[in-house]
PDB file of N, CA and C in Angstrom:
ATOM      1  N   MET A   1      10.103   4.585 -21.997  1.00  0.00           N
ATOM      2  CA  MET A   1      10.976   4.419 -20.848  1.00  0.00           C
ATOM      3  C   MET A   1      10.193   3.749 -19.726  1.00  0.00           C
ATOM      4  N   SER A   2      10.792   2.761 -19.105  1.00  0.00           N
ATOM      5  CA  SER A   2      10.137   2.026 -18.030  1.00  0.00           C
ATOM      6  C   SER A   2      10.120   2.848 -16.743  1.00  0.00           C
ATOM      7  N   LYS A   3       9.031   2.718 -16.020  1.00  0.00           N
ATOM      8  CA  LYS A   3       8.907   3.415 -14.744  1.00  0.00           C
ATOM      9  C   LYS A   3       9.535   2.561 -13.658  1.00  0.00           C
ATOM     10  N   ASN A   4      10.306   3.186 -12.809  1.00  0.00           N
ATOM     11  CA  ASN A   4      10.974   2.503 -11.706  1.00  0.00           C
ATOM     12  C   ASN A   4      10.151   2.748 -10.436  1.00  0.00           C
ATOM     13  N   TYR A   5       9.055   2.006 -10.303  1.00  0.00           N
ATOM     14  CA  TYR A   5       8.103   2.225  -9.225  1.00  0.00           C
ATOM     15  C   TYR A   5       8.057   1.044  -8.272  1.00  0.00           C
ATOM     16  N   LYS A   6       7.572   1.342  -7.076  1.00  0.00           N
ATOM     17  CA  LYS A   6       7.360   0.316  -6.058  1.00  0.00           C
ATOM     18  C   LYS A   6       5.992   0.559  -5.428  1.00  0.00           C
ATOM     19  N   LEU A   7       5.180  -0.482  -5.361  1.00  0.00           N
ATOM     20  CA  LEU A   7       3.898  -0.422  -4.679  1.00  0.00           C
ATOM     21  C   LEU A   7       4.090  -0.981  -3.282  1.00  0.00           C
ATOM     22  N   ILE A   8       3.758  -0.181  -2.282  1.00  0.00           N
ATOM     23  CA  ILE A   8       3.874  -0.601  -0.892  1.00  0.00           C
ATOM     24  C   ILE A   8       2.477  -0.685  -0.313  1.00  0.00           C
ATOM     25  N   CYS A   9       2.185  -1.795   0.348  1.00  0.00           N
ATOM     26  CA  CYS A   9       0.901  -2.002   1.000  1.00  0.00           C
ATOM     27  C   CYS A   9       1.136  -2.120   2.503  1.00  0.00           C
ATOM     28  N   TYR A  10       0.604  -1.170   3.251  1.00  0.00           N
ATOM     29  CA  TYR A  10       0.673  -1.216   4.714  1.00  0.00           C
ATOM     30  C   TYR A  10      -0.613  -1.871   5.203  1.00  0.00           C
ATOM     31  N   THR A  11      -0.463  -2.952   5.949  1.00  0.00           N
ATOM     32  CA  THR A  11      -1.598  -3.736   6.380  1.00  0.00           C
ATOM     33  C   THR A  11      -1.427  -4.139   7.842  1.00  0.00           C
ATOM     34  N   GLU A  12      -2.362  -4.917   8.345  1.00  0.00           N
ATOM     35  CA  GLU A  12      -2.298  -5.417   9.711  1.00  0.00           C
ATOM     36  C   GLU A  12      -3.023  -6.754   9.778  1.00  0.00           C
ATOM     37  N   GLN A  13      -2.841  -7.467  10.867  1.00  0.00           N
ATOM     38  CA  GLN A  13      -3.563  -8.715  11.075  1.00  0.00           C
ATOM     39  C   GLN A  13      -5.055  -8.412  11.171  1.00  0.00           C
ATOM     40  N   SER A  14      -5.862  -9.319  10.714  1.00  0.00           N
ATOM     41  CA  SER A  14      -7.325  -9.169  10.789  1.00  0.00           C
ATOM     42  C   SER A  14      -7.791  -7.863  10.161  1.00  0.00           C
ATOM     43  N   CYS A  15      -7.483  -7.702   8.905  1.00  0.00           N
ATOM     44  CA  CYS A  15      -7.855  -6.499   8.152  1.00  0.00           C
ATOM     45  C   CYS A  15      -8.793  -6.929   7.019  1.00  0.00           C
ATOM     46  N   PRO A  16     -10.118  -6.877   7.229  1.00  0.00           N
ATOM     47  CA  PRO A  16     -11.042  -7.333   6.183  1.00  0.00           C
ATOM     48  C   PRO A  16     -10.817  -6.695   4.810  1.00  0.00           C
ATOM     49  N   PRO A  17     -10.579  -5.368   4.716  1.00  0.00           N
ATOM     50  CA  PRO A  17     -10.324  -4.824   3.371  1.00  0.00           C
ATOM     51  C   PRO A  17      -9.067  -5.412   2.736  1.00  0.00           C
ATOM     52  N   CYS A  18      -8.051  -5.678   3.565  1.00  0.00           N
ATOM     53  CA  CYS A  18      -6.814  -6.270   3.043  1.00  0.00           C
ATOM     54  C   CYS A  18      -7.097  -7.670   2.520  1.00  0.00           C
ATOM     55  N   GLU A  19      -7.854  -8.424   3.298  1.00  0.00           N
ATOM     56  CA  GLU A  19      -8.179  -9.796   2.914  1.00  0.00           C
ATOM     57  C   GLU A  19      -9.024  -9.839   1.646  1.00  0.00           C
ATOM     58  N   SER A  20      -9.924  -8.877   1.482  1.00  0.00           N
ATOM     59  CA  SER A  20     -10.769  -8.872   0.286  1.00  0.00           C
ATOM     60  C   SER A  20      -9.969  -8.560  -0.979  1.00  0.00           C
ATOM     61  N   MET A  21      -8.834  -7.890  -0.826  1.00  0.00           N
ATOM     62  CA  MET A  21      -7.974  -7.591  -1.974  1.00  0.00           C
ATOM     63  C   MET A  21      -7.189  -8.829  -2.403  1.00  0.00           C
ATOM     64  N   GLY A  22      -6.950  -9.766  -1.481  1.00  0.00           N
ATOM     65  CA  GLY A  22      -6.200 -10.975  -1.812  1.00  0.00           C
ATOM     66  C   GLY A  22      -4.841 -10.652  -2.400  1.00  0.00           C
ATOM     67  N   THR A  23      -4.491 -11.299  -3.498  1.00  0.00           N
ATOM     68  CA  THR A  23      -3.193 -11.058  -4.150  1.00  0.00           C
ATOM     69  C   THR A  23      -3.271  -9.968  -5.223  1.00  0.00           C
ATOM     70  N   TYR A  24      -4.398  -9.293  -5.311  1.00  0.00           N
ATOM     71  CA  TYR A  24      -4.600  -8.289  -6.358  1.00  0.00           C
ATOM     72  C   TYR A  24      -3.504  -7.218  -6.389  1.00  0.00           C
ATOM     73  N   PRO A  25      -3.099  -6.639  -5.242  1.00  0.00           N
ATOM     74  CA  PRO A  25      -2.034  -5.632  -5.304  1.00  0.00           C
ATOM     75  C   PRO A  25      -0.718  -6.194  -5.839  1.00  0.00           C
ATOM     76  N   LEU A  26      -0.331  -7.369  -5.369  1.00  0.00           N
ATOM     77  CA  LEU A  26       0.896  -8.001  -5.851  1.00  0.00           C
ATOM     78  C   LEU A  26       0.792  -8.302  -7.336  1.00  0.00           C
ATOM     79  N   ASP A  27      -0.321  -8.871  -7.755  1.00  0.00           N
ATOM     80  CA  ASP A  27      -0.518  -9.203  -9.167  1.00  0.00           C
ATOM     81  C   ASP A  27      -0.479  -7.957 -10.043  1.00  0.00           C
ATOM     82  N   SER A  28      -1.089  -6.861  -9.570  1.00  0.00           N
ATOM     83  CA  SER A  28      -1.102  -5.614 -10.337  1.00  0.00           C
ATOM     84  C   SER A  28       0.295  -5.031 -10.477  1.00  0.00           C
ATOM     85  N   ALA A  29       1.057  -5.040  -9.385  1.00  0.00           N
ATOM     86  CA  ALA A  29       2.419  -4.516  -9.426  1.00  0.00           C
ATOM     87  C   ALA A  29       3.287  -5.369 -10.351  1.00  0.00           C
ATOM     88  N   THR A  30       3.159  -6.671 -10.242  1.00  0.00           N
ATOM     89  CA  THR A  30       3.940  -7.584 -11.085  1.00  0.00           C
ATOM     90  C   THR A  30       3.619  -7.375 -12.560  1.00  0.00           C
ATOM     91  N   ALA A  31       2.346  -7.215 -12.878  1.00  0.00           N
ATOM     92  CA  ALA A  31       1.925  -7.012 -14.269  1.00  0.00           C
ATOM     93  C   ALA A  31       2.525  -5.731 -14.858  1.00  0.00           C
ATOM     94  N   LYS A  32       2.733  -4.722 -14.017  1.00  0.00           N
ATOM     95  CA  LYS A  32       3.309  -3.456 -14.488  1.00  0.00           C
ATOM     96  C   LYS A  32       4.835  -3.449 -14.422  1.00  0.00           C
ATOM     97  N   GLY A  33       5.429  -4.493 -13.847  1.00  0.00           N
ATOM     98  CA  GLY A  33       6.881  -4.537 -13.709  1.00  0.00           C
ATOM     99  C   GLY A  33       7.389  -3.734 -12.533  1.00  0.00           C
ATOM    100  N   TYR A  34       6.527  -3.444 -11.578  1.00  0.00           N
ATOM    101  CA  TYR A  34       6.902  -2.666 -10.401  1.00  0.00           C
ATOM    102  C   TYR A  34       7.294  -3.591  -9.260  1.00  0.00           C
ATOM    103  N   GLU A  35       8.124  -3.102  -8.366  1.00  0.00           N
ATOM    104  CA  GLU A  35       8.421  -3.828  -7.136  1.00  0.00           C
ATOM    105  C   GLU A  35       7.175  -3.794  -6.250  1.00  0.00           C
ATOM    106  N   PHE A  36       7.075  -4.751  -5.331  1.00  0.00           N
ATOM    107  CA  PHE A  36       5.960  -4.796  -4.393  1.00  0.00           C
ATOM    108  C   PHE A  36       6.494  -5.147  -3.014  1.00  0.00           C
ATOM    109  N   GLU A  37       5.967  -4.459  -2.012  1.00  0.00           N
ATOM    110  CA  GLU A  37       6.321  -4.767  -0.633  1.00  0.00           C
ATOM    111  C   GLU A  37       5.076  -4.647   0.229  1.00  0.00           C
ATOM    112  N   GLU A  38       4.841  -5.655   1.047  1.00  0.00           N
ATOM    113  CA  GLU A  38       3.750  -5.602   2.015  1.00  0.00           C
ATOM    114  C   GLU A  38       4.367  -5.442   3.393  1.00  0.00           C
ATOM    115  N   ILE A  39       3.931  -4.417   4.115  1.00  0.00           N
ATOM    116  CA  ILE A  39       4.458  -4.146   5.443  1.00  0.00           C
ATOM    117  C   ILE A  39       3.333  -4.349   6.452  1.00  0.00           C
ATOM    118  N   MET A  40       3.544  -5.298   7.347  1.00  0.00           N
ATOM    119  CA  MET A  40       2.558  -5.629   8.369  1.00  0.00           C
ATOM    120  C   MET A  40       2.805  -4.748   9.590  1.00  0.00           C
ATOM    121  N   LEU A  41       1.801  -3.951   9.934  1.00  0.00           N
ATOM    122  CA  LEU A  41       1.893  -3.077  11.103  1.00  0.00           C
ATOM    123  C   LEU A  41       1.260  -3.766  12.311  1.00  0.00           C
ATOM    124  N   THR A  42       1.729  -3.417  13.479  1.00  0.00           N
ATOM    125  CA  THR A  42       1.214  -3.978  14.727  1.00  0.00           C
ATOM    126  C   THR A  42       0.533  -2.878  15.521  1.00  0.00           C
ATOM    127  N   ARG A  43      -0.671  -3.166  15.987  1.00  0.00           N
ATOM    128  CA  ARG A  43      -1.400  -2.192  16.798  1.00  0.00           C
ATOM    129  C   ARG A  43      -0.815  -2.110  18.207  1.00  0.00           C
ATOM    130  N   ILE A  44      -0.843  -0.901  18.771  1.00  0.00           N
ATOM    131  CA  ILE A  44      -0.392  -0.654  20.143  1.00  0.00           C
ATOM    132  C   ILE A  44      -1.403   0.259  20.825  1.00  0.00           C
ATOM    133  N   ASN A  45      -1.189   0.526  22.101  1.00  0.00           N
ATOM    134  CA  ASN A  45      -2.066   1.423  22.880  1.00  0.00           C
ATOM    135  C   ASN A  45      -3.522   1.004  22.785  1.00  0.00           C
ATOM    136  N   ASN A  46      -3.772  -0.280  23.089  1.00  0.00           N
ATOM    137  CA  ASN A  46      -5.136  -0.826  23.054  1.00  0.00           C
ATOM    138  C   ASN A  46      -5.799  -0.642  21.684  1.00  0.00           C
ATOM    139  N   GLY A  47      -5.019  -0.757  20.628  1.00  0.00           N
ATOM    140  CA  GLY A  47      -5.555  -0.664  19.278  1.00  0.00           C
ATOM    141  C   GLY A  47      -5.749   0.745  18.758  1.00  0.00           C
ATOM    142  N   GLU A  48      -5.288   1.727  19.499  1.00  0.00           N
ATOM    143  CA  GLU A  48      -5.473   3.129  19.103  1.00  0.00           C
ATOM    144  C   GLU A  48      -4.363   3.676  18.200  1.00  0.00           C
ATOM    145  N   ASP A  49      -3.277   2.923  18.050  1.00  0.00           N
ATOM    146  CA  ASP A  49      -2.135   3.407  17.273  1.00  0.00           C
ATOM    147  C   ASP A  49      -1.393   2.203  16.698  1.00  0.00           C
ATOM    148  N   TRP A  50      -0.370   2.469  15.876  1.00  0.00           N
ATOM    149  CA  TRP A  50       0.440   1.416  15.269  1.00  0.00           C
ATOM    150  C   TRP A  50       1.902   1.623  15.613  1.00  0.00           C
ATOM    151  N   ALA A  51       2.597   0.509  15.816  1.00  0.00           N
ATOM    152  CA  ALA A  51       4.049   0.565  15.941  1.00  0.00           C
ATOM    153  C   ALA A  51       4.617   0.738  14.536  1.00  0.00           C
ATOM    154  N   ASN A  52       5.657   1.509  14.406  1.00  0.00           N
ATOM    155  CA  ASN A  52       6.359   1.706  13.125  1.00  0.00           C
ATOM    156  C   ASN A  52       5.454   2.212  12.019  1.00  0.00           C
ATOM    157  N   LYS A  53       4.516   3.080  12.352  1.00  0.00           N
ATOM    158  CA  LYS A  53       3.625   3.622  11.316  1.00  0.00           C
ATOM    159  C   LYS A  53       4.412   4.491  10.333  1.00  0.00           C
ATOM    160  N   PRO A  54       3.997   4.487   9.073  1.00  0.00           N
ATOM    161  CA  PRO A  54       4.759   5.189   8.038  1.00  0.00           C
ATOM    162  C   PRO A  54       4.590   6.708   8.056  1.00  0.00           C
ATOM    163  N   LEU A  55       3.517   7.203   8.659  1.00  0.00           N
ATOM    164  CA  LEU A  55       3.237   8.641   8.743  1.00  0.00           C
ATOM    165  C   LEU A  55       2.769   8.974  10.149  1.00  0.00           C
ATOM    166  N   GLU A  56       3.043  10.159  10.595  1.00  0.00           N
ATOM    167  CA  GLU A  56       2.603  10.567  11.929  1.00  0.00           C
ATOM    168  C   GLU A  56       1.087  10.517  12.062  1.00  0.00           C
ATOM    169  N   ASP A  57       0.379  10.923  11.013  1.00  0.00           N
ATOM    170  CA  ASP A  57      -1.087  10.945  11.080  1.00  0.00           C
ATOM    171  C   ASP A  57      -1.723   9.703  10.443  1.00  0.00           C
ATOM    172  N   PHE A  58      -0.973   8.605  10.387  1.00  0.00           N
ATOM    173  CA  PHE A  58      -1.489   7.347   9.847  1.00  0.00           C
ATOM    174  C   PHE A  58      -2.697   6.907  10.665  1.00  0.00           C
ATOM    175  N   TRP A  59      -3.781   6.503   9.972  1.00  0.00           N
ATOM    176  CA  TRP A  59      -4.996   6.198  10.728  1.00  0.00           C
ATOM    177  C   TRP A  59      -5.743   4.943  10.302  1.00  0.00           C
ATOM    178  N   ALA A  60      -5.381   4.305   9.200  1.00  0.00           N
ATOM    179  CA  ALA A  60      -6.159   3.133   8.777  1.00  0.00           C
ATOM    180  C   ALA A  60      -5.358   2.239   7.841  1.00  0.00           C
ATOM    181  N   THR A  61      -5.765   0.978   7.785  1.00  0.00           N
ATOM    182  CA  THR A  61      -5.197   0.041   6.824  1.00  0.00           C
ATOM    183  C   THR A  61      -6.333  -0.506   5.969  1.00  0.00           C
ATOM    184  N   PRO A  62      -6.055  -0.963   4.782  1.00  0.00           N
ATOM    185  CA  PRO A  62      -4.755  -0.893   4.120  1.00  0.00           C
ATOM    186  C   PRO A  62      -4.489   0.503   3.570  1.00  0.00           C
ATOM    187  N   TRP A  63      -3.224   0.839   3.504  1.00  0.00           N
ATOM    188  CA  TRP A  63      -2.787   2.073   2.881  1.00  0.00           C
ATOM    189  C   TRP A  63      -1.834   1.665   1.770  1.00  0.00           C
ATOM    190  N   PHE A  64      -2.150   2.080   0.568  1.00  0.00           N
ATOM    191  CA  PHE A  64      -1.328   1.784  -0.598  1.00  0.00           C
ATOM    192  C   PHE A  64      -0.556   3.028  -0.999  1.00  0.00           C
ATOM    193  N   LYS A  65       0.718   2.833  -1.287  1.00  0.00           N
ATOM    194  CA  LYS A  65       1.586   3.943  -1.677  1.00  0.00           C
ATOM    195  C   LYS A  65       2.377   3.514  -2.908  1.00  0.00           C
ATOM    196  N   LEU A  66       2.307   4.300  -3.966  1.00  0.00           N
ATOM    197  CA  LEU A  66       3.104   4.067  -5.166  1.00  0.00           C
ATOM    198  C   LEU A  66       4.260   5.056  -5.138  1.00  0.00           C
ATOM    199  N   GLU A  67       5.458   4.519  -5.124  1.00  0.00           N
ATOM    200  CA  GLU A  67       6.654   5.330  -4.937  1.00  0.00           C
ATOM    201  C   GLU A  67       7.529   5.279  -6.188  1.00  0.00           C
ATOM    202  N   ASN A  68       8.049   6.427  -6.575  1.00  0.00           N
ATOM    203  CA  ASN A  68       9.020   6.518  -7.666  1.00  0.00           C
ATOM    204  C   ASN A  68      10.402   6.281  -7.062  1.00  0.00           C
ATOM    205  N   LEU A  69      11.023   5.177  -7.415  1.00  0.00           N
ATOM    206  CA  LEU A  69      12.307   4.816  -6.823  1.00  0.00           C
ATOM    207  C   LEU A  69      13.462   5.669  -7.338  1.00  0.00           C
ATOM    208  N   ASP A  70      13.269   6.353  -8.453  1.00  0.00           N
ATOM    209  CA  ASP A  70      14.331   7.200  -8.988  1.00  0.00           C
ATOM    210  C   ASP A  70      14.562   8.436  -8.137  1.00  0.00           C
ATOM    211  N   ASP A  71      13.495   8.975  -7.546  1.00  0.00           N
ATOM    212  CA  ASP A  71      13.651  10.185  -6.737  1.00  0.00           C
ATOM    213  C   ASP A  71      12.984  10.081  -5.357  1.00  0.00           C
ATOM    214  N   ASP A  72      12.548   8.885  -4.983  1.00  0.00           N
ATOM    215  CA  ASP A  72      11.908   8.622  -3.682  1.00  0.00           C
ATOM    216  C   ASP A  72      10.654   9.456  -3.442  1.00  0.00           C
ATOM    217  N   SER A  73       9.991   9.848  -4.519  1.00  0.00           N
ATOM    218  CA  SER A  73       8.763  10.624  -4.364  1.00  0.00           C
ATOM    219  C   SER A  73       7.552   9.690  -4.351  1.00  0.00           C
ATOM    220  N   THR A  74       6.473  10.183  -3.764  1.00  0.00           N
ATOM    221  CA  THR A  74       5.212   9.451  -3.767  1.00  0.00           C
ATOM    222  C   THR A  74       4.426   9.869  -5.002  1.00  0.00           C
ATOM    223  N   VAL A  75       4.101   8.901  -5.840  1.00  0.00           N
ATOM    224  CA  VAL A  75       3.330   9.158  -7.048  1.00  0.00           C
ATOM    225  C   VAL A  75       1.852   9.292  -6.685  1.00  0.00           C
ATOM    226  N   ASP A  76       1.377   8.397  -5.806  1.00  0.00           N
ATOM    227  CA  ASP A  76      -0.023   8.392  -5.384  1.00  0.00           C
ATOM    228  C   ASP A  76      -0.126   7.530  -4.139  1.00  0.00           C
ATOM    229  N   SER A  77      -1.171   7.754  -3.356  1.00  0.00           N
ATOM    230  CA  SER A  77      -1.440   6.895  -2.206  1.00  0.00           C
ATOM    231  C   SER A  77      -2.916   7.006  -1.850  1.00  0.00           C
ATOM    232  N   PHE A  78      -3.424   5.948  -1.212  1.00  0.00           N
ATOM    233  CA  PHE A  78      -4.805   5.977  -0.749  1.00  0.00           C
ATOM    234  C   PHE A  78      -5.028   4.910   0.309  1.00  0.00           C
ATOM    235  N   TYR A  79      -6.062   5.121   1.113  1.00  0.00           N
ATOM    236  CA  TYR A  79      -6.502   4.151   2.110  1.00  0.00           C
ATOM    237  C   TYR A  79      -7.662   3.341   1.553  1.00  0.00           C
ATOM    238  N   GLY A  80      -7.731   2.080   1.927  1.00  0.00           N
ATOM    239  CA  GLY A  80      -8.901   1.271   1.618  1.00  0.00           C
ATOM    240  C   GLY A  80      -8.634   0.141   0.652  1.00  0.00           C
ATOM    241  N   GLY A  81      -9.493  -0.853   0.710  1.00  0.00           N
ATOM    242  CA  GLY A  81      -9.368  -2.026  -0.139  1.00  0.00           C
ATOM    243  C   GLY A  81     -10.222  -1.912  -1.375  1.00  0.00           C
ATOM    244  N   ASN A  82      -9.893  -0.979  -2.242  1.00  0.00           N
ATOM    245  CA  ASN A  82     -10.706  -0.665  -3.400  1.00  0.00           C
ATOM    246  C   ASN A  82      -9.945  -1.013  -4.684  1.00  0.00           C
ATOM    247  N   LYS A  83     -10.328  -2.099  -5.345  1.00  0.00           N
ATOM    248  CA  LYS A  83      -9.633  -2.531  -6.560  1.00  0.00           C
ATOM    249  C   LYS A  83      -9.700  -1.497  -7.683  1.00  0.00           C
ATOM    250  N   PRO A  84     -10.872  -0.890  -7.949  1.00  0.00           N
ATOM    251  CA  PRO A  84     -10.881   0.140  -9.010  1.00  0.00           C
ATOM    252  C   PRO A  84      -9.944   1.311  -8.708  1.00  0.00           C
ATOM    253  N   ARG A  85      -9.842   1.707  -7.439  1.00  0.00           N
ATOM    254  CA  ARG A  85      -8.933   2.815  -7.081  1.00  0.00           C
ATOM    255  C   ARG A  85      -7.476   2.387  -7.260  1.00  0.00           C
ATOM    256  N   LEU A  86      -7.173   1.125  -6.934  1.00  0.00           N
ATOM    257  CA  LEU A  86      -5.813   0.630  -7.152  1.00  0.00           C
ATOM    258  C   LEU A  86      -5.491   0.633  -8.647  1.00  0.00           C
ATOM    259  N   ASP A  87      -6.446   0.251  -9.474  1.00  0.00           N
ATOM    260  CA  ASP A  87      -6.237   0.271 -10.928  1.00  0.00           C
ATOM    261  C   ASP A  87      -5.911   1.679 -11.401  1.00  0.00           C
ATOM    262  N   ILE A  88      -6.610   2.686 -10.871  1.00  0.00           N
ATOM    263  CA  ILE A  88      -6.345   4.074 -11.240  1.00  0.00           C
ATOM    264  C   ILE A  88      -4.919   4.451 -10.847  1.00  0.00           C
ATOM    265  N   MET A  89      -4.523   4.067  -9.640  1.00  0.00           N
ATOM    266  CA  MET A  89      -3.167   4.374  -9.168  1.00  0.00           C
ATOM    267  C   MET A  89      -2.131   3.727 -10.079  1.00  0.00           C
ATOM    268  N   MET A  90      -2.358   2.509 -10.477  1.00  0.00           N
ATOM    269  CA  MET A  90      -1.363   1.791 -11.262  1.00  0.00           C
ATOM    270  C   MET A  90      -1.250   2.315 -12.698  1.00  0.00           C
ATOM    271  N   GLU A  91      -2.156   3.150 -13.131  1.00  0.00           N
ATOM    272  CA  GLU A  91      -2.091   3.748 -14.459  1.00  0.00           C
ATOM    273  C   GLU A  91      -1.282   5.041 -14.480  1.00  0.00           C
ATOM    274  N   LYS A  92      -0.793   5.481 -13.338  1.00  0.00           N
ATOM    275  CA  LYS A  92      -0.038   6.745 -13.287  1.00  0.00           C
ATOM    276  C   LYS A  92       1.383   6.564 -13.748  1.00  0.00           C
TER     277      LYS A  92
END
């Protein structure tokens, strides 16, 4: 049975870890048949916070979230531009 998942990447302008990942998150999601969405956040309060942050205690980008679209649950999530960690997430 195919998994109905979506990989969401929360990022911001001038995000070195995001830039080092390049198209890897999109390519990984596409290879698994998952939807992919990149959400660009904007810093506010002199860079101390984000507008439209996904969580109240959101603190860093990139943040990757793998979501089960069948029940809107979070399968896995993590902060950072780590390709091996993304590979682990995509195997769930």
